[in-house]
Full PDB file with SEQRES, HELIX, SHEET, SSBOND, CRYST1, ORIGX, SCALE, CONECT and MASTER records, all heavy atoms in Angstrom:
SEQRES   1 A   30  ARG VAL ARG ARG ALA LEU LEU LEU ALA THR ASP ARG LEU          
SEQRES   2 A   30  SER ILE THR GLN ALA ILE THR LYS ALA GLN GLN LYS THR          
SEQRES   3 A   30  ALA TYR SER PHE                                              
HELIX    1 AA1 VAL A    2  LEU A    8  1                                   7    
HELIX    2 AA2 ARG A   12  ILE A   15  1                                   4    
HELIX    3 AA3 THR A   16  THR A   20  3                                   5    
CRYST1    1.000    1.000    1.000  90.00  90.00  90.00 P 1           1          
ORIGX1      1.000000  0.000000  0.000000        0.00000                         
ORIGX2      0.000000  1.000000  0.000000        0.00000                         
ORIGX3      0.000000  0.000000  1.000000        0.00000                         
SCALE1      1.000000  0.000000  0.000000        0.00000                         
SCALE2      0.000000  1.000000  0.000000        0.00000                         
SCALE3      0.000000  0.000000  1.000000        0.00000                         
ATOM      1  N   ARG A   1       0.830  -1.214   0.000  1.00  0.00           N  
ATOM      2  CA  ARG A   1       0.000   0.000   0.000  1.00  0.00           C  
ATOM      3  C   ARG A   1       0.863   1.262   0.000  1.00  0.00           C  
ATOM      4  O   ARG A   1       0.525   2.259  -0.642  1.00  0.00           O  
ATOM      5  CB  ARG A   1      -0.935  -0.008   1.212  1.00  0.00           C  
ATOM      6  CG  ARG A   1      -2.070  -1.025   1.144  1.00  0.00           C  
ATOM      7  CD  ARG A   1      -3.033  -0.828   2.300  1.00  0.00           C  
ATOM      8  NE  ARG A   1      -4.189  -1.711   2.209  1.00  0.00           N  
ATOM      9  CZ  ARG A   1      -4.239  -2.933   2.713  1.00  0.00           C  
ATOM     10  NH1 ARG A   1      -3.173  -3.427   3.357  1.00  0.00           N  
ATOM     11  NH2 ARG A   1      -5.334  -3.661   2.601  1.00  0.00           N  
ATOM     12  N   VAL A   2       1.977   1.218   0.697  1.00  0.00           N  
ATOM     13  CA  VAL A   2       2.884   2.370   0.727  1.00  0.00           C  
ATOM     14  C   VAL A   2       3.488   2.597  -0.654  1.00  0.00           C  
ATOM     15  O   VAL A   2       3.546   3.735  -1.151  1.00  0.00           O  
ATOM     16  CB  VAL A   2       4.000   2.158   1.774  1.00  0.00           C  
ATOM     17  CG1 VAL A   2       5.074   3.241   1.640  1.00  0.00           C  
ATOM     18  CG2 VAL A   2       3.414   2.172   3.181  1.00  0.00           C  
ATOM     19  N   ARG A   3       3.913   1.532  -1.300  1.00  0.00           N  
ATOM     20  CA  ARG A   3       4.512   1.663  -2.633  1.00  0.00           C  
ATOM     21  C   ARG A   3       3.485   2.200  -3.622  1.00  0.00           C  
ATOM     22  O   ARG A   3       3.796   3.083  -4.440  1.00  0.00           O  
ATOM     23  CB  ARG A   3       5.062   0.314  -3.116  1.00  0.00           C  
ATOM     24  CG  ARG A   3       6.145  -0.275  -2.226  1.00  0.00           C  
ATOM     25  CD  ARG A   3       6.943  -1.347  -2.943  1.00  0.00           C  
ATOM     26  NE  ARG A   3       6.161  -2.489  -3.396  1.00  0.00           N  
ATOM     27  CZ  ARG A   3       5.912  -3.572  -2.670  1.00  0.00           C  
ATOM     28  NH1 ARG A   3       6.345  -3.643  -1.408  1.00  0.00           N  
ATOM     29  NH2 ARG A   3       5.225  -4.588  -3.175  1.00  0.00           N  
ATOM     30  N   ARG A   4       2.267   1.695  -3.555  1.00  0.00           N  
ATOM     31  CA  ARG A   4       1.211   2.182  -4.449  1.00  0.00           C  
ATOM     32  C   ARG A   4       0.890   3.646  -4.175  1.00  0.00           C  
ATOM     33  O   ARG A   4       0.651   4.423  -5.110  1.00  0.00           O  
ATOM     34  CB  ARG A   4      -0.055   1.333  -4.277  1.00  0.00           C  
ATOM     35  CG  ARG A   4       0.077  -0.121  -4.675  1.00  0.00           C  
ATOM     36  CD  ARG A   4       0.211  -0.301  -6.167  1.00  0.00           C  
ATOM     37  NE  ARG A   4      -0.949   0.214  -6.893  1.00  0.00           N  
ATOM     38  CZ  ARG A   4      -0.981   0.403  -8.193  1.00  0.00           C  
ATOM     39  NH1 ARG A   4       0.096   0.156  -8.934  1.00  0.00           N  
ATOM     40  NH2 ARG A   4      -2.077   0.865  -8.798  1.00  0.00           N  
ATOM     41  N   ALA A   5       0.902   4.032  -2.918  1.00  0.00           N  
ATOM     42  CA  ALA A   5       0.622   5.427  -2.567  1.00  0.00           C  
ATOM     43  C   ALA A   5       1.671   6.358  -3.171  1.00  0.00           C  
ATOM     44  O   ALA A   5       1.345   7.421  -3.713  1.00  0.00           O  
ATOM     45  CB  ALA A   5       0.567   5.587  -1.051  1.00  0.00           C  
ATOM     46  N   LEU A   6       2.931   5.955  -3.101  1.00  0.00           N  
ATOM     47  CA  LEU A   6       4.001   6.789  -3.664  1.00  0.00           C  
ATOM     48  C   LEU A   6       3.837   6.922  -5.179  1.00  0.00           C  
ATOM     49  O   LEU A   6       4.020   8.011  -5.742  1.00  0.00           O  
ATOM     50  CB  LEU A   6       5.363   6.185  -3.337  1.00  0.00           C  
ATOM     51  CG  LEU A   6       5.756   6.163  -1.850  1.00  0.00           C  
ATOM     52  CD1 LEU A   6       7.083   5.432  -1.669  1.00  0.00           C  
ATOM     53  CD2 LEU A   6       5.857   7.581  -1.287  1.00  0.00           C  
ATOM     54  N   LEU A   7       3.502   5.811  -5.830  1.00  0.00           N  
ATOM     55  CA  LEU A   7       3.285   5.844  -7.279  1.00  0.00           C  
ATOM     56  C   LEU A   7       2.156   6.803  -7.645  1.00  0.00           C  
ATOM     57  O   LEU A   7       2.318   7.679  -8.512  1.00  0.00           O  
ATOM     58  CB  LEU A   7       2.948   4.435  -7.777  1.00  0.00           C  
ATOM     59  CG  LEU A   7       2.436   4.333  -9.221  1.00  0.00           C  
ATOM     60  CD1 LEU A   7       3.580   4.513 -10.207  1.00  0.00           C  
ATOM     61  CD2 LEU A   7       1.731   2.996  -9.464  1.00  0.00           C  
ATOM     62  N   LEU A   8       1.009   6.665  -6.973  1.00  0.00           N  
ATOM     63  CA  LEU A   8      -0.178   7.439  -7.321  1.00  0.00           C  
ATOM     64  C   LEU A   8      -0.061   8.912  -6.923  1.00  0.00           C  
ATOM     65  O   LEU A   8      -0.799   9.756  -7.429  1.00  0.00           O  
ATOM     66  CB  LEU A   8      -1.416   6.813  -6.672  1.00  0.00           C  
ATOM     67  CG  LEU A   8      -1.730   5.374  -7.123  1.00  0.00           C  
ATOM     68  CD1 LEU A   8      -2.855   4.775  -6.286  1.00  0.00           C  
ATOM     69  CD2 LEU A   8      -2.091   5.344  -8.602  1.00  0.00           C  
ATOM     70  N   ALA A   9       0.869   9.209  -6.039  1.00  0.00           N  
ATOM     71  CA  ALA A   9       1.066  10.594  -5.605  1.00  0.00           C  
ATOM     72  C   ALA A   9       2.114  11.318  -6.437  1.00  0.00           C  
ATOM     73  O   ALA A   9       2.446  12.468  -6.156  1.00  0.00           O  
ATOM     74  CB  ALA A   9       1.469  10.623  -4.130  1.00  0.00           C  
ATOM     75  N   THR A  10       2.629  10.647  -7.469  1.00  0.00           N  
ATOM     76  CA  THR A  10       3.666  11.227  -8.321  1.00  0.00           C  
ATOM     77  C   THR A  10       3.050  11.720  -9.624  1.00  0.00           C  
ATOM     78  O   THR A  10       2.578  10.918 -10.446  1.00  0.00           O  
ATOM     79  CB  THR A  10       4.757  10.184  -8.641  1.00  0.00           C  
ATOM     80  OG1 THR A  10       5.238   9.605  -7.417  1.00  0.00           O  
ATOM     81  CG2 THR A  10       5.917  10.834  -9.377  1.00  0.00           C  
ATOM     82  N   ASP A  11       3.027  13.020  -9.801  1.00  0.00           N  
ATOM     83  CA  ASP A  11       2.446  13.626 -11.002  1.00  0.00           C  
ATOM     84  C   ASP A  11       3.487  13.611 -12.121  1.00  0.00           C  
ATOM     85  O   ASP A  11       4.199  14.588 -12.361  1.00  0.00           O  
ATOM     86  CB  ASP A  11       1.994  15.056 -10.702  1.00  0.00           C  
ATOM     87  CG  ASP A  11       1.219  15.682 -11.861  1.00  0.00           C  
ATOM     88  OD1 ASP A  11       1.082  15.011 -12.900  1.00  0.00           O  
ATOM     89  OD2 ASP A  11       0.778  16.842 -11.724  1.00  0.00           O  
ATOM     90  N   ARG A  12       3.556  12.494 -12.808  1.00  0.00           N  
ATOM     91  CA  ARG A  12       4.596  12.321 -13.816  1.00  0.00           C  
ATOM     92  C   ARG A  12       4.356  13.152 -15.065  1.00  0.00           C  
ATOM     93  O   ARG A  12       5.299  13.562 -15.753  1.00  0.00           O  
ATOM     94  CB  ARG A  12       4.702  10.830 -14.167  1.00  0.00           C  
ATOM     95  CG  ARG A  12       5.269  10.011 -13.010  1.00  0.00           C  
ATOM     96  CD  ARG A  12       4.996   8.534 -13.167  1.00  0.00           C  
ATOM     97  NE  ARG A  12       3.628   8.201 -12.770  1.00  0.00           N  
ATOM     98  CZ  ARG A  12       3.085   6.995 -12.910  1.00  0.00           C  
ATOM     99  NH1 ARG A  12       3.790   6.025 -13.450  1.00  0.00           N  
ATOM    100  NH2 ARG A  12       1.847   6.765 -12.512  1.00  0.00           N  
ATOM    101  N   LEU A  13       3.089  13.429 -15.377  1.00  0.00           N  
ATOM    102  CA  LEU A  13       2.782  14.274 -16.536  1.00  0.00           C  
ATOM    103  C   LEU A  13       3.361  15.671 -16.370  1.00  0.00           C  
ATOM    104  O   LEU A  13       3.911  16.248 -17.312  1.00  0.00           O  
ATOM    105  CB  LEU A  13       1.267  14.344 -16.746  1.00  0.00           C  
ATOM    106  CG  LEU A  13       0.790  15.148 -17.968  1.00  0.00           C  
ATOM    107  CD1 LEU A  13       1.338  14.537 -19.257  1.00  0.00           C  
ATOM    108  CD2 LEU A  13      -0.735  15.208 -18.008  1.00  0.00           C  
ATOM    109  N   SER A  14       3.266  16.201 -15.156  1.00  0.00           N  
ATOM    110  CA  SER A  14       3.807  17.548 -14.929  1.00  0.00           C  
ATOM    111  C   SER A  14       5.329  17.555 -15.016  1.00  0.00           C  
ATOM    112  O   SER A  14       5.934  18.578 -15.362  1.00  0.00           O  
ATOM    113  CB  SER A  14       3.354  18.083 -13.565  1.00  0.00           C  
ATOM    114  OG  SER A  14       4.030  17.431 -12.512  1.00  0.00           O  
ATOM    115  N   ILE A  15       5.963  16.418 -14.726  1.00  0.00           N  
ATOM    116  CA  ILE A  15       7.427  16.347 -14.829  1.00  0.00           C  
ATOM    117  C   ILE A  15       7.866  16.483 -16.280  1.00  0.00           C  
ATOM    118  O   ILE A  15       8.790  17.239 -16.601  1.00  0.00           O  
ATOM    119  CB  ILE A  15       7.943  15.027 -14.218  1.00  0.00           C  
ATOM    120  CG1 ILE A  15       7.756  15.030 -12.697  1.00  0.00           C  
ATOM    121  CG2 ILE A  15       9.424  14.822 -14.563  1.00  0.00           C  
ATOM    122  CD1 ILE A  15       8.134  13.733 -12.016  1.00  0.00           C  
ATOM    123  N   THR A  16       7.177  15.777 -17.188  1.00  0.00           N  
ATOM    124  CA  THR A  16       7.568  15.854 -18.596  1.00  0.00           C  
ATOM    125  C   THR A  16       7.151  17.173 -19.232  1.00  0.00           C  
ATOM    126  O   THR A  16       7.849  17.694 -20.106  1.00  0.00           O  
ATOM    127  CB  THR A  16       6.972  14.688 -19.400  1.00  0.00           C  
ATOM    128  OG1 THR A  16       5.552  14.673 -19.229  1.00  0.00           O  
ATOM    129  CG2 THR A  16       7.550  13.368 -18.927  1.00  0.00           C  
ATOM    130  N   GLN A  17       6.026  17.729 -18.789  1.00  0.00           N  
ATOM    131  CA  GLN A  17       5.532  18.952 -19.420  1.00  0.00           C  
ATOM    132  C   GLN A  17       6.175  20.214 -18.854  1.00  0.00           C  
ATOM    133  O   GLN A  17       6.437  21.171 -19.588  1.00  0.00           O  
ATOM    134  CB  GLN A  17       4.007  19.039 -19.271  1.00  0.00           C  
ATOM    135  CG  GLN A  17       3.255  18.008 -20.108  1.00  0.00           C  
ATOM    136  CD  GLN A  17       1.759  18.193 -20.046  1.00  0.00           C  
ATOM    137  OE1 GLN A  17       1.220  18.860 -19.154  1.00  0.00           O  
ATOM    138  NE2 GLN A  17       1.051  17.599 -20.993  1.00  0.00           N  
ATOM    139  N   ALA A  18       6.433  20.229 -17.542  1.00  0.00           N  
ATOM    140  CA  ALA A  18       6.895  21.467 -16.912  1.00  0.00           C  
ATOM    141  C   ALA A  18       8.373  21.444 -16.527  1.00  0.00           C  
ATOM    142  O   ALA A  18       8.945  22.491 -16.230  1.00  0.00           O  
ATOM    143  CB  ALA A  18       6.048  21.754 -15.664  1.00  0.00           C  
ATOM    144  N   ILE A  19       8.995  20.256 -16.525  1.00  0.00           N  
ATOM    145  CA  ILE A  19      10.391  20.188 -16.058  1.00  0.00           C  
ATOM    146  C   ILE A  19      11.339  19.744 -17.172  1.00  0.00           C  
ATOM    147  O   ILE A  19      12.227  20.491 -17.578  1.00  0.00           O  
ATOM    148  CB  ILE A  19      10.517  19.237 -14.848  1.00  0.00           C  
ATOM    149  CG1 ILE A  19       9.686  19.774 -13.663  1.00  0.00           C  
ATOM    150  CG2 ILE A  19      11.978  19.088 -14.432  1.00  0.00           C  
ATOM    151  CD1 ILE A  19       9.687  18.879 -12.451  1.00  0.00           C  
ATOM    152  N   THR A  20      11.174  18.535 -17.696  1.00  0.00           N  
ATOM    153  CA  THR A  20      12.157  18.013 -18.651  1.00  0.00           C  
ATOM    154  C   THR A  20      12.027  18.677 -20.027  1.00  0.00           C  
ATOM    155  O   THR A  20      13.032  19.012 -20.651  1.00  0.00           O  
ATOM    156  CB  THR A  20      12.035  16.499 -18.788  1.00  0.00           C  
ATOM    157  OG1 THR A  20      10.705  16.159 -19.230  1.00  0.00           O  
ATOM    158  CG2 THR A  20      12.297  15.817 -17.454  1.00  0.00           C  
ATOM    159  N   LYS A  21      10.814  18.787 -20.558  1.00  0.00           N  
ATOM    160  CA  LYS A  21      10.506  19.577 -21.752  1.00  0.00           C  
ATOM    161  C   LYS A  21      11.314  19.197 -22.989  1.00  0.00           C  
ATOM    162  O   LYS A  21      11.567  20.028 -23.848  1.00  0.00           O  
ATOM    163  CB  LYS A  21      10.710  21.070 -21.465  1.00  0.00           C  
ATOM    164  CG  LYS A  21       9.824  21.631 -20.380  1.00  0.00           C  
ATOM    165  CD  LYS A  21      10.082  23.122 -20.191  1.00  0.00           C  
ATOM    166  CE  LYS A  21       9.232  23.699 -19.084  1.00  0.00           C  
ATOM    167  NZ  LYS A  21       9.486  25.145 -18.891  1.00  0.00           N  
ATOM    168  N   ALA A  22      11.741  17.950 -23.090  1.00  0.00           N  
ATOM    169  CA  ALA A  22      12.518  17.524 -24.254  1.00  0.00           C  
ATOM    170  C   ALA A  22      11.806  16.388 -24.982  1.00  0.00           C  
ATOM    171  O   ALA A  22      12.437  15.431 -25.423  1.00  0.00           O  
ATOM    172  CB  ALA A  22      13.923  17.114 -23.829  1.00  0.00           C  
ATOM    173  N   GLN A  23      10.469  16.506 -25.073  1.00  0.00           N  
ATOM    174  CA  GLN A  23       9.645  15.562 -25.830  1.00  0.00           C  
ATOM    175  C   GLN A  23       9.599  14.169 -25.217  1.00  0.00           C  
ATOM    176  O   GLN A  23       9.217  13.200 -25.876  1.00  0.00           O  
ATOM    177  CB  GLN A  23      10.129  15.489 -27.288  1.00  0.00           C  
ATOM    178  CG  GLN A  23      10.116  16.841 -27.988  1.00  0.00           C  
ATOM    179  CD  GLN A  23      10.791  16.813 -29.344  1.00  0.00           C  
ATOM    180  OE1 GLN A  23      10.923  15.762 -29.957  1.00  0.00           O  
ATOM    181  NE2 GLN A  23      11.237  17.978 -29.836  1.00  0.00           N  
ATOM    182  N   GLN A  24      10.005  14.037 -23.936  1.00  0.00           N  
ATOM    183  CA  GLN A  24       9.880  12.742 -23.270  1.00  0.00           C  
ATOM    184  C   GLN A  24       8.397  12.385 -23.104  1.00  0.00           C  
ATOM    185  O   GLN A  24       7.545  13.280 -22.955  1.00  0.00           O  
ATOM    186  CB  GLN A  24      10.547  12.767 -21.891  1.00  0.00           C  
ATOM    187  CG  GLN A  24      12.044  12.956 -21.912  1.00  0.00           C  
ATOM    188  CD  GLN A  24      12.466  14.398 -21.762  1.00  0.00           C  
ATOM    189  OE1 GLN A  24      11.658  15.310 -21.974  1.00  0.00           O  
ATOM    190  NE2 GLN A  24      13.719  14.622 -21.397  1.00  0.00           N  
ATOM    191  N   LYS A  25       8.101  11.097 -23.104  1.00  0.00           N  
ATOM    192  CA  LYS A  25       6.726  10.644 -22.891  1.00  0.00           C  
ATOM    193  C   LYS A  25       6.552  10.202 -21.446  1.00  0.00           C  
ATOM    194  O   LYS A  25       7.394   9.476 -20.903  1.00  0.00           O  
ATOM    195  CB  LYS A  25       6.386   9.489 -23.838  1.00  0.00           C  
ATOM    196  CG  LYS A  25       6.271   9.909 -25.290  1.00  0.00           C  
ATOM    197  CD  LYS A  25       5.689   8.790 -26.144  1.00  0.00           C  
ATOM    198  CE  LYS A  25       5.458   9.262 -27.568  1.00  0.00           C  
ATOM    199  NZ  LYS A  25       4.817   8.216 -28.413  1.00  0.00           N  
ATOM    200  N   THR A  26       5.472  10.630 -20.827  1.00  0.00           N  
ATOM    201  CA  THR A  26       5.161  10.215 -19.465  1.00  0.00           C  
ATOM    202  C   THR A  26       5.053   8.692 -19.414  1.00  0.00           C  
ATOM    203  O   THR A  26       4.430   8.072 -20.281  1.00  0.00           O  
ATOM    204  CB  THR A  26       3.839  10.846 -19.007  1.00  0.00           C  
ATOM    205  OG1 THR A  26       3.923  12.267 -19.167  1.00  0.00           O  
ATOM    206  CG2 THR A  26       3.562  10.532 -17.554  1.00  0.00           C  
ATOM    207  N   ALA A  27       5.667   8.095 -18.408  1.00  0.00           N  
ATOM    208  CA  ALA A  27       5.743   6.636 -18.340  1.00  0.00           C  
ATOM    209  C   ALA A  27       4.676   6.065 -17.410  1.00  0.00           C  
ATOM    210  O   ALA A  27       4.629   6.416 -16.230  1.00  0.00           O  
ATOM    211  CB  ALA A  27       7.129   6.195 -17.876  1.00  0.00           C  
ATOM    212  N   TYR A  28       3.860   5.178 -17.946  1.00  0.00           N  
ATOM    213  CA  TYR A  28       2.905   4.415 -17.145  1.00  0.00           C  
ATOM    214  C   TYR A  28       3.218   2.920 -17.256  1.00  0.00           C  
ATOM    215  O   TYR A  28       2.438   2.084 -16.828  1.00  0.00           O  
ATOM    216  CB  TYR A  28       1.479   4.716 -17.589  1.00  0.00           C  
ATOM    217  CG  TYR A  28       1.112   6.171 -17.430  1.00  0.00           C  
ATOM    218  CD1 TYR A  28       0.970   6.995 -18.537  1.00  0.00           C  
ATOM    219  CD2 TYR A  28       0.963   6.729 -16.164  1.00  0.00           C  
ATOM    220  CE1 TYR A  28       0.659   8.337 -18.387  1.00  0.00           C  
ATOM    221  CE2 TYR A  28       0.649   8.075 -16.005  1.00  0.00           C  
ATOM    222  CZ  TYR A  28       0.504   8.869 -17.122  1.00  0.00           C  
ATOM    223  OH  TYR A  28       0.206  10.206 -16.971  1.00  0.00           O  
ATOM    224  N   SER A  29       4.350   2.614 -17.861  1.00  0.00           N  
ATOM    225  CA  SER A  29       4.827   1.239 -17.976  1.00  0.00           C  
ATOM    226  C   SER A  29       6.340   1.293 -17.905  1.00  0.00           C  
ATOM    227  O   SER A  29       6.942   2.362 -17.998  1.00  0.00           O  
ATOM    228  CB  SER A  29       4.375   0.615 -19.298  1.00  0.00           C  
ATOM    229  OG  SER A  29       4.921   1.355 -20.392  1.00  0.00           O  
ATOM    230  N   PHE A  30       6.979   0.147 -17.725  1.00  0.00           N  
ATOM    231  CA  PHE A  30       8.436   0.100 -17.722  1.00  0.00           C  
ATOM    232  C   PHE A  30       8.959   0.032 -19.154  1.00  0.00           C  
ATOM    233  O   PHE A  30       9.888   0.729 -19.537  1.00  0.00           O  
ATOM    234  CB  PHE A  30       8.904  -1.119 -16.922  1.00  0.00           C  
ATOM    235  CG  PHE A  30      10.398  -1.184 -16.734  1.00  0.00           C  
ATOM    236  CD1 PHE A  30      11.166  -0.038 -16.576  1.00  0.00           C  
ATOM    237  CD2 PHE A  30      11.044  -2.414 -16.699  1.00  0.00           C  
ATOM    238  CE1 PHE A  30      12.544  -0.104 -16.396  1.00  0.00           C  
ATOM    239  CE2 PHE A  30      12.422  -2.498 -16.514  1.00  0.00           C  
ATOM    240  CZ  PHE A  30      13.167  -1.329 -16.372  1.00  0.00           C  
TER     241      PHE A  30                                                      
MASTER        0    0    0    3    0    0    0    6  240    1    0    3          
END                                                                             
């Protein structure tokens, strides 16, 4: 439950759109 909570609390879309900005795709798989 702790691991799932950390995953779901991570806004990965905002990381690619507002931080990295080099056309990376948000990852929902490995």
